[in-house]
Amino acid sequence: MLNNQIALLAIDFQVDFLHADGRFPVAQHQVEPMLTAANHLIAAARSYHTPVIYIGNEYGSRNLLNVFRNNAALKGSSGMQIDSRLLYANDHYFPKDQSSAFTNSQLDLFLRQQTIKHLLLTGVYATACVRKTALDGLKYGYQVSLMSDAVADKNDQRRNAALKELERKGICILTSTDWLEEMSKATTSVM
């Protein structure tokens, strides 16, 4: 697995989802461990020259389904901003207004232009946007790995159920530590 064929996707690390006073927050005990794992991955990705791609919800005020998310991540609101605790690696940002990151057709185009074959997924919600992006990634022909310690959801039961389902559907589930060790071994063996 070549480092230049991998991209790290940071999905919906937005204020409304990560802050306790956000409009649709994940379980707060999951936030810091998720951010720590994601930041380790982002730092490593930079050193391996692996693209980091930020995905964010930008819902319009007329998006009726967003009522169920308490009108979270409204386009132009402070709640749609990427959480400042997440490391910033570059300007690769793709907005979306539906669950899958692939609903923004520019994402797939960018990945193919960069000859990306393998996606590493992190973010929120494990049962929604992360899940849908993972499954669509498979449909689009990418190898997909999900960093289990770098995703969050409303509670542990929902997160764990999503991880089990995705593994059954062909997504590789591993921890950020496992992936970092794999990359270190692969880099060492190339030298």
Protein backbone atom coordinates (compact mmCIF):
# COMPACT_ATOMS: atom_id res chain seq x y z
CA MET A 1 0.00 0.00 0.00
CA LEU A 2 1.62 3.22 -1.17
CA ASN A 3 1.27 6.32 0.98
CA ASN A 4 0.54 8.50 -2.03
CA GLN A 5 -2.54 6.39 -2.86
CA ILE A 6 -4.17 7.00 0.53
CA ALA A 7 -6.31 9.92 1.65
CA LEU A 8 -7.51 10.69 5.17
CA LEU A 9 -11.09 12.02 5.34
CA ALA A 10 -12.11 14.06 8.39
CA ILE A 11 -15.90 14.01 8.25
CA ASP A 12 -18.08 16.59 10.00
CA PHE A 13 -15.74 17.63 12.84
CA GLN A 14 -18.01 20.63 13.27
CA VAL A 15 -18.89 22.77 16.28
CA ASP A 16 -22.58 21.81 16.29
CA PHE A 17 -21.65 18.12 16.57
CA LEU A 18 -18.65 18.23 18.91
CA HIS A 19 -19.51 20.92 21.46
CA ALA A 20 -21.82 20.05 24.35
CA ASP A 21 -23.85 23.17 23.61
CA GLY A 22 -23.95 22.46 19.87
CA ARG A 23 -27.25 21.90 18.10
CA PHE A 24 -26.75 18.12 17.66
CA PRO A 25 -23.82 16.93 19.80
CA VAL A 26 -22.32 13.46 19.89
CA ALA A 27 -21.66 11.73 23.22
CA GLN A 28 -19.26 14.08 24.98
CA HIS A 29 -17.10 11.32 26.46
CA GLN A 30 -16.25 10.29 22.88
CA VAL A 31 -15.13 13.72 21.68
CA GLU A 32 -11.66 14.13 23.23
CA PRO A 33 -10.48 10.55 22.44
CA MET A 34 -11.79 10.95 18.87
CA LEU A 35 -10.02 14.30 18.43
CA THR A 36 -6.78 12.91 19.88
CA ALA A 37 -6.82 9.94 17.49
CA ALA A 38 -7.79 12.11 14.51
CA ASN A 39 -5.07 14.64 15.29
CA HIS A 40 -2.44 11.87 15.50
CA LEU A 41 -3.61 10.62 12.10
CA ILE A 42 -3.53 14.12 10.59
CA ALA A 43 -0.02 14.76 11.92
CA ALA A 44 1.16 11.43 10.53
CA ALA A 45 -0.58 12.04 7.22
CA ARG A 46 1.30 15.31 6.82
CA SER A 47 4.63 13.59 7.45
CA TYR A 48 3.76 10.82 4.95
CA HIS A 49 2.55 13.38 2.37
CA THR A 50 -0.90 11.83 2.54
CA PRO A 51 -3.74 14.19 1.64
CA VAL A 52 -6.07 15.18 4.46
CA ILE A 53 -9.55 16.01 3.21
CA TYR A 54 -12.02 17.88 5.40
CA ILE A 55 -15.72 17.24 4.82
CA GLY A 56 -18.41 19.45 6.33
CA ASN A 57 -22.16 19.68 6.39
CA GLU A 58 -23.54 22.97 5.10
CA TYR A 59 -27.30 22.68 5.33
CA GLY A 60 -29.57 25.30 3.84
CA SER A 61 -32.26 26.82 6.03
CA ARG A 62 -34.91 25.07 3.91
CA ASN A 63 -33.50 21.57 4.37
CA LEU A 64 -36.50 19.89 5.98
CA LEU A 65 -34.53 16.83 7.15
CA ASN A 66 -32.26 19.08 9.18
CA VAL A 67 -35.17 19.71 11.56
CA PHE A 68 -34.36 16.25 12.98
CA ARG A 69 -30.80 17.48 13.63
CA ASN A 70 -32.08 20.56 15.48
CA ASN A 71 -31.06 22.70 12.48
CA ALA A 72 -27.38 21.90 13.00
CA ALA A 73 -24.57 23.06 10.73
CA LEU A 74 -26.59 25.68 8.89
CA LYS A 75 -24.59 27.22 6.07
CA GLY A 76 -22.90 30.39 7.33
CA SER A 77 -23.51 29.64 11.02
CA SER A 78 -20.80 29.33 13.66
CA GLY A 79 -21.98 25.76 14.27
CA MET A 80 -20.96 24.64 10.79
CA GLN A 81 -17.34 25.68 11.38
CA ILE A 82 -14.69 22.97 11.72
CA ASP A 83 -13.87 22.56 15.42
CA SER A 84 -10.70 24.49 16.25
CA ARG A 85 -9.32 21.53 18.23
CA LEU A 86 -8.87 19.55 15.00
CA LEU A 87 -5.48 19.99 13.34
CA TYR A 88 -5.53 21.96 10.12
CA ALA A 89 -3.37 20.45 7.39
CA ASN A 90 -4.49 22.13 4.15
CA ASP A 91 -7.35 23.69 2.22
CA HIS A 92 -8.89 20.45 0.90
CA TYR A 93 -12.45 21.08 2.03
CA PHE A 94 -15.58 19.63 0.44
CA PRO A 95 -19.00 20.78 1.68
CA LYS A 96 -22.09 18.59 1.47
CA ASP A 97 -25.75 18.85 2.36
CA GLN A 98 -26.53 15.14 2.53
CA SER A 99 -25.06 12.22 4.49
CA SER A 100 -22.43 10.93 2.07
CA ALA A 101 -19.37 13.02 1.28
CA PHE A 102 -19.70 11.65 -2.26
CA THR A 103 -22.86 13.71 -2.81
CA ASN A 104 -20.34 16.46 -3.60
CA SER A 105 -19.18 15.19 -7.00
CA GLN A 106 -16.01 17.25 -6.72
CA LEU A 107 -14.73 14.88 -4.01
CA ASP A 108 -14.55 11.82 -6.28
CA LEU A 109 -13.04 13.93 -9.06
CA PHE A 110 -10.34 15.24 -6.69
CA LEU A 111 -9.57 11.73 -5.36
CA ARG A 112 -9.18 10.33 -8.88
CA GLN A 113 -6.99 13.26 -9.95
CA GLN A 114 -4.76 12.49 -6.96
CA THR A 115 -4.78 8.74 -7.89
CA ILE A 116 -6.21 7.87 -4.47
CA LYS A 117 -7.20 4.23 -4.05
CA HIS A 118 -7.62 3.90 -0.27
CA LEU A 119 -9.71 6.05 2.05
CA LEU A 120 -9.16 6.33 5.80
CA LEU A 121 -12.30 7.61 7.48
CA THR A 122 -12.70 9.54 10.73
CA GLY A 123 -15.51 11.71 12.05
CA VAL A 124 -19.16 11.86 13.08
CA TYR A 125 -21.81 10.39 13.08
CA ALA A 126 -20.73 6.74 12.81
CA THR A 127 -24.32 5.70 12.07
CA ALA A 128 -24.95 8.43 9.51
CA CYS A 129 -22.41 10.45 7.51
CA VAL A 130 -19.40 8.25 8.26
CA ARG A 131 -21.43 5.12 7.46
CA LYS A 132 -22.87 6.49 4.22
CA THR A 133 -19.50 7.82 3.05
CA ALA A 134 -17.86 4.45 3.78
CA LEU A 135 -20.48 2.51 1.84
CA ASP A 136 -20.40 4.95 -1.07
CA GLY A 137 -16.60 4.76 -1.06
CA LEU A 138 -16.88 1.02 -1.66
CA LYS A 139 -19.43 1.62 -4.44
CA TYR A 140 -17.03 4.04 -6.11
CA GLY A 141 -14.30 1.39 -6.05
CA TYR A 142 -12.13 2.61 -3.18
CA GLN A 143 -10.62 0.47 -0.46
CA VAL A 144 -12.09 1.89 2.75
CA SER A 145 -10.72 1.72 6.28
CA LEU A 146 -12.45 3.20 9.30
CA MET A 147 -10.47 4.33 12.32
CA SER A 148 -12.60 3.01 15.19
CA ASP A 149 -11.12 5.33 17.82
CA ALA A 150 -11.56 8.38 15.59
CA VAL A 151 -15.34 8.24 15.13
CA ALA A 152 -18.19 9.23 17.43
CA ASP A 153 -21.97 8.97 17.70
CA LYS A 154 -24.84 9.71 20.11
CA ASN A 155 -23.74 6.84 22.38
CA ASP A 156 -21.37 3.88 22.55
CA GLN A 157 -24.02 1.36 21.53
CA ARG A 158 -24.80 3.19 18.28
CA ARG A 159 -21.11 3.69 17.46
CA ASN A 160 -20.28 0.03 18.12
CA ALA A 161 -23.28 -1.18 16.10
CA ALA A 162 -22.19 0.96 13.15
CA LEU A 163 -18.63 -0.39 13.32
CA LYS A 164 -19.88 -4.00 13.35
CA GLU A 165 -22.25 -3.38 10.44
CA LEU A 166 -19.59 -1.69 8.34
CA GLU A 167 -17.10 -4.48 9.01
CA ARG A 168 -19.69 -7.03 7.81
CA LYS A 169 -20.10 -4.97 4.65
CA GLY A 170 -16.39 -5.01 3.80
CA ILE A 171 -15.00 -1.94 5.53
CA CYS A 172 -11.68 -2.54 7.31
CA ILE A 173 -12.05 -1.47 10.95
CA LEU A 174 -8.87 -0.69 12.87
CA THR A 175 -7.58 1.76 15.43
CA SER A 176 -5.46 4.76 14.58
CA THR A 177 -2.56 3.13 16.44
CA ASP A 178 -2.84 0.00 14.28
CA TRP A 179 -2.84 2.09 11.10
CA LEU A 180 0.09 4.22 12.23
CA GLU A 181 2.09 1.06 13.00
CA GLU A 182 1.23 -0.35 9.54
CA MET A 183 2.36 2.85 7.86
CA SER A 184 5.58 2.92 9.84
CA LYS A 185 6.37 -0.67 8.82
CA ALA A 186 5.49 0.03 5.17
CA THR A 187 7.67 3.14 5.12
CA THR A 188 10.57 1.29 6.76
CA SER A 189 10.35 -1.62 4.31
CA VAL A 190 10.46 0.78 1.31
CA MET A 191 13.67 2.42 2.52
